[in-house]
């Protein structure tokens, strides 16, 4: 009995060490707002953007290989209907995602990351209502042991029986129960899991739930659509949650640092400046001490680290050289931007569109783009799927505007646009002259009557 109690205490304190590192940011299927989900490119991007863990999903192939995929039917990611469980992995591995990467196995993923100890994974076992496939947990435990990933993985699942089996196979690996209903939580399940991954809707509807779960020695993970809603993020960081599973790991990391104050973290990536006007380089990100150096359009830089203050993020590009991060992109390529660079943008609606102080909605509204008026692009930020444009009136998401000028098929911009792969084209472009519809005022009866009388009177 004494040995058993000591083993329990050792496990308990080991779990505290894993979890008590603060508010964990977990990239949902990698970094899907930038790159195809569940690919190495997407996972690398999530880690680069500050994710502590990357979440991924597993299915089992016909020949008993663990396949990294959210869906059992791969049509959404490869363009043709292929059921994972009905095909051998040798065939599945030939299927390509939009970025050219193949569908991969868990062993292939572990082999790629085995010598990168800072990369960690939250793995979901995808099970049917009948607890199939039956051998998934044994395959998963074997793969984790083979690549010595015991200290770098957590397991979560909607299947309580799957987590119970993992508790028996790998008791030292944390297990998180995913729930969309409070009715699924009971004391039996809490006896073999370490945390609950719960919908943000359930948390907001039951504000005492976090403290109640913590009192039961359960960690609280939160999942949601996780868009750029400041209201949700502000609520999350003001509560004692242990982790957030998000489609926007960079945004999650920003809020994580905002909670703990100004922070500096390693980046070690090449980037490029995408501002129309040169920007002066500062000696440090805290005081406005300028140097005589400037950064110019499309000038490459190596970003060694990022410093996030209460007001702004800075990139360090030299020993004592810092620039605001807004116009330095680590993801964009020049050819993705040049077709639109000298075009105007217009508000395609009949109402003003709000702009923002920074390339995110949390920075606060700055101004408006008015209908039927052309604006100049002064800079870009983000990635192809989350592109922001800088105007004289502030930052605006590219999906909100219409690029104006590509209808001229003889132009340099149009030729560059046609050379782009379809995956990297902006689709909201004016291929024909834009003719805004004027609003027709609706007159009252008496106003119309007065106009008619005026015409008749003038004719007399």
Protein backbone atom coordinates (compact mmCIF):
# COMPACT_ATOMS: atom_id res chain seq x y z
CA UNK A 1 0.00 0.00 0.00
CA UNK A 2 2.84 2.41 0.83
CA UNK A 3 4.55 1.74 -2.53
CA UNK A 4 1.28 2.31 -4.34
CA UNK A 5 0.75 5.64 -2.55
CA UNK A 6 4.29 6.81 -3.39
CA UNK A 7 3.73 5.91 -7.05
CA UNK A 8 0.51 7.92 -7.06
CA UNK A 9 2.24 10.96 -5.54
CA UNK A 10 5.07 10.73 -8.07
CA UNK A 11 2.55 10.64 -10.91
CA UNK A 12 0.55 13.51 -9.40
CA UNK A 13 3.56 15.80 -9.08
CA UNK A 14 4.81 14.85 -12.54
CA UNK A 15 1.46 15.96 -13.96
CA UNK A 16 1.67 19.22 -12.05
CA UNK A 17 5.07 19.82 -13.63
CA UNK A 18 3.59 19.22 -17.08
CA UNK A 19 0.53 21.39 -16.65
CA UNK A 20 1.57 24.15 -14.25
CA UNK A 21 3.70 25.89 -16.87
CA UNK A 22 0.83 28.33 -17.40
CA UNK A 23 -1.83 28.89 -20.01
CA UNK A 24 -1.01 26.39 -22.78
CA UNK A 25 -1.62 27.33 -26.42
CA UNK A 26 -2.53 24.31 -28.55
CA UNK A 27 -2.66 24.66 -32.34
CA UNK A 28 -5.81 22.90 -33.53
CA UNK A 29 -4.69 20.57 -36.35
CA UNK A 30 -1.55 22.71 -36.64
CA UNK A 31 -2.04 26.22 -38.00
CA UNK A 32 -5.06 25.79 -40.33
CA UNK A 33 -5.62 29.52 -40.90
CA UNK A 34 -2.29 29.60 -42.75
CA UNK A 35 -1.57 26.14 -44.15
CA UNK A 36 -3.40 22.86 -44.88
CA UNK A 37 -4.35 21.16 -41.62
CA UNK A 38 -2.47 18.18 -40.17
CA UNK A 39 0.59 18.70 -42.39
CA UNK A 40 4.20 19.19 -41.29
CA UNK A 41 4.12 22.71 -42.79
CA UNK A 42 1.06 23.57 -40.72
CA UNK A 43 2.54 22.04 -37.55
CA UNK A 44 5.87 23.84 -37.99
CA UNK A 45 4.01 27.11 -38.49
CA UNK A 46 2.01 26.57 -35.28
CA UNK A 47 5.17 25.99 -33.26
CA UNK A 48 6.81 29.03 -34.88
CA UNK A 49 3.77 31.11 -33.91
CA UNK A 50 4.14 30.16 -30.25
CA UNK A 51 2.04 27.01 -29.80
CA UNK A 52 3.09 24.85 -26.85
CA UNK A 53 1.39 21.82 -28.40
CA UNK A 54 -0.07 20.85 -31.76
CA UNK A 55 -3.33 18.92 -31.78
CA UNK A 56 -3.74 16.09 -34.29
CA UNK A 57 -6.18 13.27 -35.00
CA UNK A 58 -5.72 9.56 -35.69
CA UNK A 59 -7.46 6.90 -37.77
CA UNK A 60 -6.29 3.35 -38.49
CA UNK A 61 -5.65 2.17 -42.05
CA UNK A 62 -6.62 -1.23 -43.45
CA UNK A 63 -3.12 -2.56 -42.72
CA UNK A 64 -3.10 -1.24 -39.11
CA UNK A 65 -1.11 1.96 -39.56
CA UNK A 66 -1.99 5.05 -37.51
CA UNK A 67 -2.85 7.78 -40.02
CA UNK A 68 -2.82 11.49 -39.16
CA UNK A 69 -6.17 12.86 -40.33
CA UNK A 70 -9.22 14.47 -38.81
CA UNK A 71 -11.67 12.85 -41.25
CA UNK A 72 -12.13 9.16 -42.00
CA UNK A 73 -13.04 10.21 -45.56
CA UNK A 74 -10.15 12.20 -47.07
CA UNK A 75 -12.20 13.97 -49.75
CA UNK A 76 -12.06 17.34 -47.98
CA UNK A 77 -8.25 17.44 -47.93
CA UNK A 78 -7.18 15.49 -51.03
CA UNK A 79 -10.14 16.11 -53.36
CA UNK A 80 -11.31 12.52 -53.78
CA UNK A 81 -13.33 10.23 -51.55
CA UNK A 82 -10.92 7.79 -49.90
CA UNK A 83 -11.84 6.03 -46.63
CA UNK A 84 -8.78 5.57 -44.39
CA UNK A 85 -9.88 2.24 -42.89
CA UNK A 86 -10.53 0.72 -46.34
CA UNK A 87 -7.06 1.37 -47.77
CA UNK A 88 -3.50 0.35 -47.01
CA UNK A 89 -1.16 3.11 -45.91
CA UNK A 90 1.13 2.59 -48.92
CA UNK A 91 -1.70 4.02 -51.04
CA UNK A 92 -2.82 6.68 -48.57
CA UNK A 93 0.74 7.99 -48.43
CA UNK A 94 0.60 8.78 -52.17
CA UNK A 95 -2.34 11.18 -51.73
CA UNK A 96 -1.39 14.87 -51.73
CA UNK A 97 -2.80 17.82 -49.83
CA UNK A 98 -3.06 21.35 -51.28
CA UNK A 99 0.53 22.20 -50.29
CA UNK A 100 1.96 19.08 -51.94
CA UNK A 101 2.50 17.11 -48.73
CA UNK A 102 1.41 13.49 -48.53
CA UNK A 103 -1.01 12.03 -46.01
CA UNK A 104 1.34 10.87 -43.24
CA UNK A 105 1.44 8.28 -40.49
CA UNK A 106 2.01 8.99 -36.81
CA UNK A 107 5.37 7.22 -37.04
CA UNK A 108 6.43 9.55 -39.86
CA UNK A 109 5.41 12.58 -37.82
CA UNK A 110 7.24 11.34 -34.71
CA UNK A 111 10.33 10.55 -36.79
CA UNK A 112 10.34 14.10 -38.17
CA UNK A 113 10.05 15.70 -34.72
CA UNK A 114 11.99 13.18 -32.62
CA UNK A 115 15.07 15.42 -32.34
CA UNK A 116 13.07 18.60 -31.72
CA UNK A 117 12.34 18.29 -28.00
CA UNK A 118 10.33 21.51 -27.71
CA UNK A 119 7.63 20.17 -30.04
CA UNK A 120 4.76 18.48 -28.22
CA UNK A 121 1.47 16.96 -29.32
CA UNK A 122 -2.11 16.55 -28.13
CA UNK A 123 -3.35 13.42 -29.89
CA UNK A 124 -7.01 12.61 -30.43
CA UNK A 125 -8.12 9.02 -30.87
CA UNK A 126 -11.03 9.00 -33.32
CA UNK A 127 -13.36 6.16 -32.34
CA UNK A 128 -16.81 5.05 -33.45
CA UNK A 129 -19.76 4.61 -31.08
CA UNK A 130 -18.90 0.91 -31.05
CA UNK A 131 -15.33 1.66 -29.87
CA UNK A 132 -13.74 0.81 -33.22
CA UNK A 133 -11.02 0.36 -34.22
CA UNK A 134 -10.27 -1.90 -31.28
CA UNK A 135 -6.48 -1.88 -31.68
CA UNK A 136 -5.92 1.89 -31.89
CA UNK A 137 -4.69 2.32 -28.32
CA UNK A 138 -2.18 -0.54 -28.58
CA UNK A 139 -0.81 0.91 -31.83
CA UNK A 140 -0.63 4.38 -30.28
CA UNK A 141 1.17 3.20 -27.14
CA UNK A 142 3.68 1.27 -29.26
CA UNK A 143 4.44 4.30 -31.43
CA UNK A 144 4.87 6.60 -28.42
CA UNK A 145 7.28 4.15 -26.80
CA UNK A 146 9.17 3.54 -30.05
CA UNK A 147 10.00 7.25 -30.42
CA UNK A 148 10.30 7.94 -26.67
CA UNK A 149 7.53 10.55 -26.76
CA UNK A 150 6.04 9.78 -23.34
CA UNK A 151 6.98 13.23 -21.98
CA UNK A 152 5.93 15.06 -25.14
CA UNK A 153 2.36 13.90 -25.72
CA UNK A 154 -1.09 14.10 -24.18
CA UNK A 155 -4.07 12.04 -25.31
CA UNK A 156 -7.59 13.38 -25.64
CA UNK A 157 -10.74 11.78 -26.96
CA UNK A 158 -14.54 11.84 -26.99
CA UNK A 159 -14.27 8.12 -26.19
CA UNK A 160 -14.09 7.45 -22.47
CA UNK A 161 -13.22 3.79 -23.08
CA UNK A 162 -10.29 4.83 -25.26
CA UNK A 163 -8.90 6.99 -22.45
CA UNK A 164 -9.45 4.20 -19.94
CA UNK A 165 -7.40 1.85 -22.12
CA UNK A 166 -4.64 4.46 -22.48
CA UNK A 167 -4.60 4.81 -18.69
CA UNK A 168 -3.82 1.11 -18.48
CA UNK A 169 -1.22 1.13 -21.26
CA UNK A 170 0.56 4.44 -20.53
CA UNK A 171 -0.47 5.69 -17.08
CA UNK A 172 2.19 8.44 -17.10
CA UNK A 173 0.79 10.13 -20.23
CA UNK A 174 -1.90 12.75 -19.44
CA UNK A 175 -5.42 11.98 -20.67
CA UNK A 176 -8.03 14.63 -21.46
CA UNK A 177 -11.73 13.87 -21.92
CA UNK A 178 -13.45 15.94 -24.66
CA UNK A 179 -17.05 16.85 -23.85
CA UNK A 180 -19.78 18.84 -25.52
CA UNK A 181 -22.30 18.12 -22.76
CA UNK A 182 -22.00 18.21 -18.97
CA UNK A 183 -24.02 14.97 -18.80
CA UNK A 184 -20.95 13.09 -20.04
CA UNK A 185 -18.87 13.98 -16.96
CA UNK A 186 -19.12 11.50 -14.07
CA UNK A 187 -16.90 10.35 -11.21
CA UNK A 188 -15.99 7.07 -12.90
CA UNK A 189 -14.50 8.88 -15.88
CA UNK A 190 -12.73 11.40 -13.61
CA UNK A 191 -10.95 8.49 -11.95
CA UNK A 192 -8.84 7.76 -15.06
CA UNK A 193 -8.49 11.16 -16.77
CA UNK A 194 -6.42 14.20 -15.82
CA UNK A 195 -8.46 16.92 -17.46
CA UNK A 196 -11.58 17.94 -19.35
CA UNK A 197 -11.50 19.55 -22.80
CA UNK A 198 -14.76 21.44 -22.86
CA UNK A 199 -16.66 23.72 -25.20
CA UNK A 200 -16.32 27.42 -24.40
CA UNK A 201 -20.11 27.67 -24.64
CA UNK A 202 -20.50 25.30 -21.69
CA UNK A 203 -17.97 27.27 -19.67
CA UNK A 204 -19.68 30.61 -20.29
CA UNK A 205 -23.05 29.09 -19.43
CA UNK A 206 -21.64 27.54 -16.23
CA UNK A 207 -19.13 30.07 -14.82
CA UNK A 208 -18.47 27.99 -11.66
CA UNK A 209 -17.45 24.94 -13.68
CA UNK A 210 -13.74 25.82 -13.86
CA UNK A 211 -13.37 26.00 -10.08
CA UNK A 212 -15.49 22.88 -9.64
CA UNK A 213 -13.28 20.86 -12.00
CA UNK A 214 -10.12 22.22 -10.41
CA UNK A 215 -11.46 21.18 -7.00
CA UNK A 216 -11.72 17.66 -8.43
CA UNK A 217 -8.03 17.87 -9.50
CA UNK A 218 -8.97 18.16 -13.18
CA UNK A 219 -7.27 20.50 -15.65
CA UNK A 220 -9.58 22.59 -17.82
CA UNK A 221 -8.91 22.82 -21.54
CA UNK A 222 -11.20 24.96 -23.68
CA UNK A 223 -12.06 24.52 -27.33
CA UNK A 224 -14.17 26.66 -29.62
CA UNK A 225 -14.23 27.97 -33.17
CA UNK A 226 -11.55 30.31 -31.78
CA UNK A 227 -11.85 33.14 -34.27
CA UNK A 228 -10.66 36.67 -33.67
CA UNK A 229 -13.42 37.59 -31.25
CA UNK A 230 -11.83 39.81 -28.59
CA UNK A 231 -14.74 39.16 -26.26
CA UNK A 232 -14.07 35.41 -26.13
CA UNK A 233 -10.30 35.75 -25.83
CA UNK A 234 -10.55 38.38 -23.11
CA UNK A 235 -12.91 36.14 -21.22
CA UNK A 236 -10.56 33.17 -21.56
CA UNK A 237 -7.44 34.88 -20.26
CA UNK A 238 -9.35 36.36 -17.32
CA UNK A 239 -10.31 32.88 -16.14
CA UNK A 240 -8.11 30.21 -14.65
CA UNK A 241 -8.08 27.92 -17.65
CA UNK A 242 -5.14 25.60 -18.28
CA UNK A 243 -5.11 25.44 -22.09
CA UNK A 244 -6.87 26.67 -25.22
CA UNK A 245 -7.19 24.63 -28.42
CA UNK A 246 -7.26 27.23 -31.19
CA UNK A 247 -7.11 27.66 -34.98
CA UNK A 248 -5.07 30.83 -34.41
CA UNK A 249 -2.00 29.87 -32.32
CA UNK A 250 -0.26 33.22 -32.92
CA UNK A 251 -3.26 35.03 -31.48
CA UNK A 252 -3.42 32.57 -28.60
CA UNK A 253 0.25 33.18 -27.87
CA UNK A 254 -0.32 36.92 -27.95
CA UNK A 255 -3.01 36.63 -25.28
CA UNK A 256 -0.90 34.25 -23.26
CA UNK A 257 1.88 36.81 -23.12
CA UNK A 258 -0.56 39.63 -22.47
CA UNK A 259 -1.60 37.81 -19.33
CA UNK A 260 1.94 37.49 -18.06
CA UNK A 261 3.31 40.86 -19.26
CA UNK A 262 6.05 41.78 -21.68
CA UNK A 263 7.90 38.75 -22.96
CA UNK A 264 10.69 37.86 -25.35
CA UNK A 265 10.76 34.60 -27.26
CA UNK A 266 12.97 33.02 -29.90
CA UNK A 267 11.83 33.10 -33.52
CA UNK A 268 14.92 32.32 -35.65
CA UNK A 269 13.13 32.65 -39.00
CA UNK A 270 13.71 34.59 -42.20
CA UNK A 271 11.18 37.26 -43.06
CA UNK A 272 10.59 40.18 -45.40
CA UNK A 273 9.45 43.78 -45.03
CA UNK A 274 6.18 44.49 -46.84
CA UNK A 275 5.75 48.24 -46.29
CA UNK A 276 5.59 50.74 -49.14
CA UNK A 277 7.51 53.38 -47.18
CA UNK A 278 10.88 52.72 -45.47
CA UNK A 279 10.77 52.27 -41.71
CA UNK A 280 13.45 53.44 -39.29
CA UNK A 281 15.13 50.76 -37.17
CA UNK A 282 15.13 51.28 -33.38
CA UNK A 283 17.80 50.36 -30.86
CA UNK A 284 15.30 48.69 -28.54
CA UNK A 285 11.55 48.00 -28.37
CA UNK A 286 10.98 49.84 -25.08
CA UNK A 287 12.23 53.37 -25.71
CA UNK A 288 11.93 55.32 -28.95
CA UNK A 289 15.66 55.47 -29.73
CA UNK A 290 16.07 55.50 -33.51
CA UNK A 291 19.11 54.48 -35.56
CA UNK A 292 20.23 55.85 -38.93
CA UNK A 293 19.24 52.58 -40.63
CA UNK A 294 16.04 51.89 -42.55
CA UNK A 295 14.16 48.84 -43.73
CA UNK A 296 12.84 49.05 -47.29
CA UNK A 297 10.16 47.27 -49.33
CA UNK A 298 10.91 43.56 -49.90
CA UNK A 299 14.14 43.78 -47.94
CA UNK A 300 14.87 40.38 -46.37
CA UNK A 301 15.61 40.12 -42.65
CA UNK A 302 16.44 37.39 -40.20
CA UNK A 303 14.21 37.60 -37.13
CA UNK A 304 16.06 36.23 -34.13
CA UNK A 305 13.38 37.00 -31.54
CA UNK A 306 10.14 38.82 -30.85
CA UNK A 307 9.36 41.15 -27.99
CA UNK A 308 5.73 41.69 -27.08
CA UNK A 309 4.93 44.73 -24.97
CA UNK A 310 1.56 45.89 -23.72
CA UNK A 311 1.10 47.97 -26.88
CA UNK A 312 3.08 46.43 -29.72
CA UNK A 313 5.12 43.47 -30.98
CA UNK A 314 8.68 44.08 -32.17
CA UNK A 315 11.02 41.83 -34.12
CA UNK A 316 14.73 41.79 -33.36
CA UNK A 317 16.67 41.79 -36.65
CA UNK A 318 20.18 42.54 -35.35
CA UNK A 319 22.23 42.88 -32.17
CA UNK A 320 20.52 46.16 -31.22
CA UNK A 321 18.06 46.49 -34.07
CA UNK A 322 14.29 46.26 -33.65
CA UNK A 323 11.35 47.03 -35.93
CA UNK A 324 7.57 46.85 -35.40
CA UNK A 325 6.38 43.39 -36.42
CA UNK A 326 3.23 44.47 -38.28
CA UNK A 327 4.87 44.86 -41.71
CA UNK A 328 7.43 42.05 -41.42
CA UNK A 329 5.97 38.76 -42.61
CA UNK A 330 7.47 35.34 -41.89
CA UNK A 331 5.01 33.58 -44.20
CA UNK A 332 4.39 35.66 -47.32
CA UNK A 333 6.33 35.36 -50.55
CA UNK A 334 6.75 38.43 -52.84
CA UNK A 335 5.09 36.72 -55.80
CA UNK A 336 1.91 36.28 -53.75
CA UNK A 337 1.66 40.05 -53.21
CA UNK A 338 3.12 41.75 -56.29
CA UNK A 339 0.07 41.21 -58.56
CA UNK A 340 -1.97 43.44 -56.24
CA UNK A 341 0.69 45.81 -54.95
CA UNK A 342 0.00 48.73 -57.29
CA UNK A 343 -3.74 48.22 -57.46
CA UNK A 344 -6.32 50.28 -55.66
CA UNK A 345 -8.73 48.68 -53.25
CA UNK A 346 -12.37 49.61 -52.89
CA UNK A 347 -15.19 48.96 -50.48
CA UNK A 348 -17.61 46.85 -52.58
CA UNK A 349 -20.57 47.48 -50.26
CA UNK A 350 -22.86 50.46 -49.89
CA UNK A 351 -21.90 51.02 -46.25
CA UNK A 352 -18.61 52.09 -44.59
CA UNK A 353 -16.25 49.30 -43.47
CA UNK A 354 -14.30 49.70 -40.23
CA UNK A 355 -10.50 49.66 -40.23
CA UNK A 356 -8.20 48.80 -37.30
CA UNK A 357 -5.09 50.21 -35.65
CA UNK A 358 -3.18 46.96 -36.13
CA UNK A 359 -3.61 43.86 -38.34
CA UNK A 360 -5.96 42.22 -35.85
CA UNK A 361 -9.40 43.04 -34.52
CA UNK A 362 -8.19 43.33 -30.92
CA UNK A 363 -6.25 46.53 -31.66
CA UNK A 364 -9.37 48.70 -31.79
CA UNK A 365 -11.13 50.47 -34.62
CA UNK A 366 -9.30 53.33 -36.31
CA UNK A 367 -11.38 54.60 -39.23
CA UNK A 368 -13.53 53.59 -42.17
CA UNK A 369 -13.32 52.78 -45.86
CA UNK A 370 -16.11 54.62 -47.64
CA UNK A 371 -18.12 53.17 -50.56
CA UNK A 372 -17.14 54.09 -54.15
CA UNK A 373 -13.75 55.45 -53.09
CA UNK A 374 -10.36 54.01 -54.08
CA UNK A 375 -7.60 53.48 -51.49
CA UNK A 376 -3.90 52.77 -51.89
CA UNK A 377 -2.18 49.71 -50.40
CA UNK A 378 0.60 50.90 -48.07
CA UNK A 379 1.59 47.52 -46.64
CA UNK A 380 0.54 43.92 -46.00
CA UNK A 381 0.72 41.54 -43.07
CA UNK A 382 -0.23 37.97 -42.15
CA UNK A 383 -0.48 34.97 -44.49
CA UNK A 384 -2.26 34.22 -47.73
CA UNK A 385 -5.40 33.00 -45.96
CA UNK A 386 -5.36 35.74 -43.31
CA UNK A 387 -4.03 38.70 -45.29
CA UNK A 388 -4.34 42.24 -43.89
CA UNK A 389 -3.86 45.42 -45.92
CA UNK A 390 -2.63 48.79 -44.60
CA UNK A 391 -4.29 51.95 -45.95
CA UNK A 392 -4.15 55.63 -44.98
CA UNK A 393 -7.28 54.94 -42.92
CA UNK A 394 -5.91 51.89 -41.07
CA UNK A 395 -5.71 48.11 -41.43
CA UNK A 396 -8.41 46.10 -43.21
CA UNK A 397 -8.79 42.35 -43.88
CA UNK A 398 -8.29 41.59 -47.56
CA UNK A 399 -11.48 39.50 -47.60
CA UNK A 400 -13.49 42.66 -46.90
CA UNK A 401 -12.36 44.62 -49.98
CA UNK A 402 -12.21 44.36 -53.75
CA UNK A 403 -8.90 44.70 -55.61
CA UNK A 404 -9.50 47.15 -58.44
CA UNK A 405 -7.48 47.08 -61.67
CA UNK A 406 -7.00 43.46 -62.70
CA UNK A 407 -9.70 43.78 -65.38
CA UNK A 408 -6.94 45.19 -67.62
CA UNK A 409 -5.63 41.90 -69.05
CA UNK A 410 -2.63 43.59 -70.66
CA UNK A 411 -1.29 44.82 -67.33
CA UNK A 412 1.80 43.51 -65.56
CA UNK A 413 -0.33 42.81 -62.48
CA UNK A 414 -2.77 40.62 -64.39
CA UNK A 415 0.03 38.56 -65.99
CA UNK A 416 1.60 37.94 -62.58
CA UNK A 417 -1.84 37.04 -61.23
CA UNK A 418 -2.33 34.40 -63.94
CA UNK A 419 1.07 32.84 -63.12
CA UNK A 420 0.07 32.24 -59.50
CA UNK A 421 -1.02 28.82 -58.36
CA UNK A 422 -4.76 28.87 -57.61
CA UNK A 423 -4.09 28.20 -53.93
CA UNK A 424 -2.26 31.55 -53.64
CA UNK A 425 -4.61 33.76 -55.64
CA UNK A 426 -6.82 36.35 -54.01
CA UNK A 427 -10.29 35.74 -55.43
CA UNK A 428 -11.87 39.10 -54.60
CA UNK A 429 -10.51 40.90 -57.67
CA UNK A 430 -12.27 43.06 -60.24
CA UNK A 431 -11.82 41.35 -63.59
CA UNK A 432 -14.22 43.89 -65.10
CA UNK A 433 -14.72 47.59 -64.35
CA UNK A 434 -16.54 48.03 -61.08
CA UNK A 435 -19.88 49.82 -61.46
CA UNK A 436 -21.40 50.51 -58.04
CA UNK A 437 -25.16 50.53 -57.83
CA UNK A 438 -26.49 53.90 -56.79
CA UNK A 439 -29.21 53.97 -54.19
CA UNK A 440 -32.52 55.29 -55.61
CA UNK A 441 -34.26 57.56 -53.08
CA UNK A 442 -37.82 56.58 -52.28
CA UNK A 443 -40.07 59.64 -52.41
CA UNK A 444 -43.30 60.11 -50.51
CA UNK A 445 -46.62 60.65 -52.26
CA UNK A 446 -46.72 64.35 -51.45
CA UNK A 447 -43.15 64.85 -52.64
CA UNK A 448 -44.01 63.18 -55.96
CA UNK A 449 -47.27 65.18 -56.19
CA UNK A 450 -45.35 68.42 -55.67
CA UNK A 451 -42.81 67.52 -58.38
CA UNK A 452 -45.60 66.73 -60.88
CA UNK A 453 -47.39 70.02 -60.15
CA UNK A 454 -44.15 71.91 -60.62
CA UNK A 455 -43.68 70.36 -64.07
CA UNK A 456 -47.28 71.14 -65.08
CA UNK A 457 -47.00 74.71 -63.82
CA UNK A 458 -43.76 75.30 -65.77
CA UNK A 459 -45.39 73.98 -68.96
CA UNK A 460 -48.10 76.60 -68.67
